[in-house]
């Protein structure tokens, strides 16, 4: 499972240091937003041919691990 995280890259010279899929300029955030908006992994892979199923899994794992980090703080006031 941690091998999936090797697919994520953070480089200040690429997309201002946002986490991206290694070797691309596809941000993890974009993948998560598209999935949340109802696109399927297959839709994403059609729109971004360099994206693989493993890349999408890596983005989800990265997000989950990020939320599990000790530094995560929910916004005051709860949900909107």
C-alpha atoms as a PDB file:
ATOM      1  CA  UNK A   1       0.000   0.000   0.000  1.00  0.00           C
ATOM      2  CA  UNK A   2       2.787   2.467   0.791  1.00  0.00           C
ATOM      3  CA  UNK A   3       4.139   1.762  -2.717  1.00  0.00           C
ATOM      4  CA  UNK A   4       1.116   3.655  -3.983  1.00  0.00           C
ATOM      5  CA  UNK A   5       2.345   6.762  -2.221  1.00  0.00           C
ATOM      6  CA  UNK A   6       5.492   6.651  -4.358  1.00  0.00           C
ATOM      7  CA  UNK A   7       3.205   7.758  -7.187  1.00  0.00           C
ATOM      8  CA  UNK A   8       2.660  11.110  -5.445  1.00  0.00           C
ATOM      9  CA  UNK A   9       5.262  13.840  -5.813  1.00  0.00           C
ATOM     10  CA  UNK A  10       5.622  17.201  -4.090  1.00  0.00           C
ATOM     11  CA  UNK A  11       8.056  19.525  -5.845  1.00  0.00           C
ATOM     12  CA  UNK A  12       8.028  23.307  -5.395  1.00  0.00           C
ATOM     13  CA  UNK A  13       8.847  23.622  -9.107  1.00  0.00           C
ATOM     14  CA  UNK A  14       5.731  21.696 -10.165  1.00  0.00           C
ATOM     15  CA  UNK A  15       2.264  23.200  -9.621  1.00  0.00           C
ATOM     16  CA  UNK A  16       3.639  25.434  -6.839  1.00  0.00           C
ATOM     17  CA  UNK A  17       4.419  22.421  -4.666  1.00  0.00           C
ATOM     18  CA  UNK A  18       0.941  20.899  -4.682  1.00  0.00           C
ATOM     19  CA  UNK A  19       0.921  17.096  -4.517  1.00  0.00           C
ATOM     20  CA  UNK A  20       0.725  15.715  -8.056  1.00  0.00           C
ATOM     21  CA  UNK A  21       0.860  12.337  -9.736  1.00  0.00           C
ATOM     22  CA  UNK A  22       4.569  11.678 -10.311  1.00  0.00           C
ATOM     23  CA  UNK A  23       5.739  12.626 -13.787  1.00  0.00           C
ATOM     24  CA  UNK A  24       2.600  14.676 -14.512  1.00  0.00           C
ATOM     25  CA  UNK A  25       1.097  18.012 -13.630  1.00  0.00           C
ATOM     26  CA  UNK A  26      -2.129  16.368 -12.454  1.00  0.00           C
ATOM     27  CA  UNK A  27      -2.792  17.519  -8.871  1.00  0.00           C
ATOM     28  CA  UNK A  28      -4.183  15.118  -6.280  1.00  0.00           C
ATOM     29  CA  UNK A  29      -6.709  17.834  -5.455  1.00  0.00           C
ATOM     30  CA  UNK A  30      -8.087  17.767  -9.018  1.00  0.00           C
ATOM     31  CA  UNK A  31      -8.576  14.006  -8.882  1.00  0.00           C
ATOM     32  CA  UNK A  32     -10.413  14.238  -5.554  1.00  0.00           C
ATOM     33  CA  UNK A  33     -12.620  17.109  -6.723  1.00  0.00           C
ATOM     34  CA  UNK A  34     -13.571  15.309  -9.943  1.00  0.00           C
ATOM     35  CA  UNK A  35     -14.440  12.116  -8.031  1.00  0.00           C
ATOM     36  CA  UNK A  36     -16.457  14.105  -5.481  1.00  0.00           C
ATOM     37  CA  UNK A  37     -18.348  15.763  -8.350  1.00  0.00           C
ATOM     38  CA  UNK A  38     -19.457  12.347  -9.569  1.00  0.00           C
ATOM     39  CA  UNK A  39     -16.921  11.466 -12.224  1.00  0.00           C
ATOM     40  CA  UNK A  40     -15.871   7.839 -12.250  1.00  0.00           C
ATOM     41  CA  UNK A  41     -12.267   6.656 -12.340  1.00  0.00           C
ATOM     42  CA  UNK A  42     -12.937   5.622 -15.945  1.00  0.00           C
ATOM     43  CA  UNK A  43     -14.096   9.178 -16.760  1.00  0.00           C
ATOM     44  CA  UNK A  44     -10.881  10.546 -15.275  1.00  0.00           C
ATOM     45  CA  UNK A  45      -8.732   8.125 -17.208  1.00  0.00           C
ATOM     46  CA  UNK A  46     -10.475   9.100 -20.461  1.00  0.00           C
ATOM     47  CA  UNK A  47      -9.940  12.803 -19.707  1.00  0.00           C
ATOM     48  CA  UNK A  48      -6.333  12.297 -18.569  1.00  0.00           C
ATOM     49  CA  UNK A  49      -4.870   9.403 -20.599  1.00  0.00           C
ATOM     50  CA  UNK A  50      -1.617   9.323 -18.575  1.00  0.00           C
ATOM     51  CA  UNK A  51      -3.610   8.655 -15.394  1.00  0.00           C
ATOM     52  CA  UNK A  52      -3.834   5.027 -14.277  1.00  0.00           C
ATOM     53  CA  UNK A  53      -6.151   3.253 -11.865  1.00  0.00           C
ATOM     54  CA  UNK A  54      -3.190   2.992  -9.471  1.00  0.00           C
ATOM     55  CA  UNK A  55      -2.656   6.770  -9.681  1.00  0.00           C
ATOM     56  CA  UNK A  56      -6.268   7.364  -8.634  1.00  0.00           C
ATOM     57  CA  UNK A  57      -5.867   4.909  -5.743  1.00  0.00           C
ATOM     58  CA  UNK A  58      -2.672   6.725  -4.745  1.00  0.00           C
ATOM     59  CA  UNK A  59      -4.519  10.068  -4.684  1.00  0.00           C
ATOM     60  CA  UNK A  60      -7.213   8.610  -2.429  1.00  0.00           C
ATOM     61  CA  UNK A  61      -4.648   7.020  -0.115  1.00  0.00           C
ATOM     62  CA  UNK A  62      -2.671  10.270   0.048  1.00  0.00           C
ATOM     63  CA  UNK A  63      -5.826  12.166   1.032  1.00  0.00           C
ATOM     64  CA  UNK A  64      -6.731   9.599   3.688  1.00  0.00           C
ATOM     65  CA  UNK A  65      -3.242   9.660   5.171  1.00  0.00           C
ATOM     66  CA  UNK A  66      -3.235  13.466   5.110  1.00  0.00           C
ATOM     67  CA  UNK A  67      -6.464  13.539   7.112  1.00  0.00           C
ATOM     68  CA  UNK A  68      -5.008  11.052   9.558  1.00  0.00           C
ATOM     69  CA  UNK A  69      -1.999  13.292  10.229  1.00  0.00           C
ATOM     70  CA  UNK A  70      -1.649  14.805  13.679  1.00  0.00           C
ATOM     71  CA  UNK A  71      -1.700  18.285  12.195  1.00  0.00           C
ATOM     72  CA  UNK A  72      -5.235  18.032  10.760  1.00  0.00           C
ATOM     73  CA  UNK A  73      -7.601  20.617  12.225  1.00  0.00           C
ATOM     74  CA  UNK A  74     -11.240  20.908  11.173  1.00  0.00           C
ATOM     75  CA  UNK A  75     -12.565  24.389  10.515  1.00  0.00           C
ATOM     76  CA  UNK A  76     -14.313  26.081  13.395  1.00  0.00           C
ATOM     77  CA  UNK A  77     -18.076  25.969  13.146  1.00  0.00           C
ATOM     78  CA  UNK A  78     -18.386  22.452  11.726  1.00  0.00           C
ATOM     79  CA  UNK A  79     -20.108  21.814   8.414  1.00  0.00           C
ATOM     80  CA  UNK A  80     -21.579  24.518   6.220  1.00  0.00           C
END
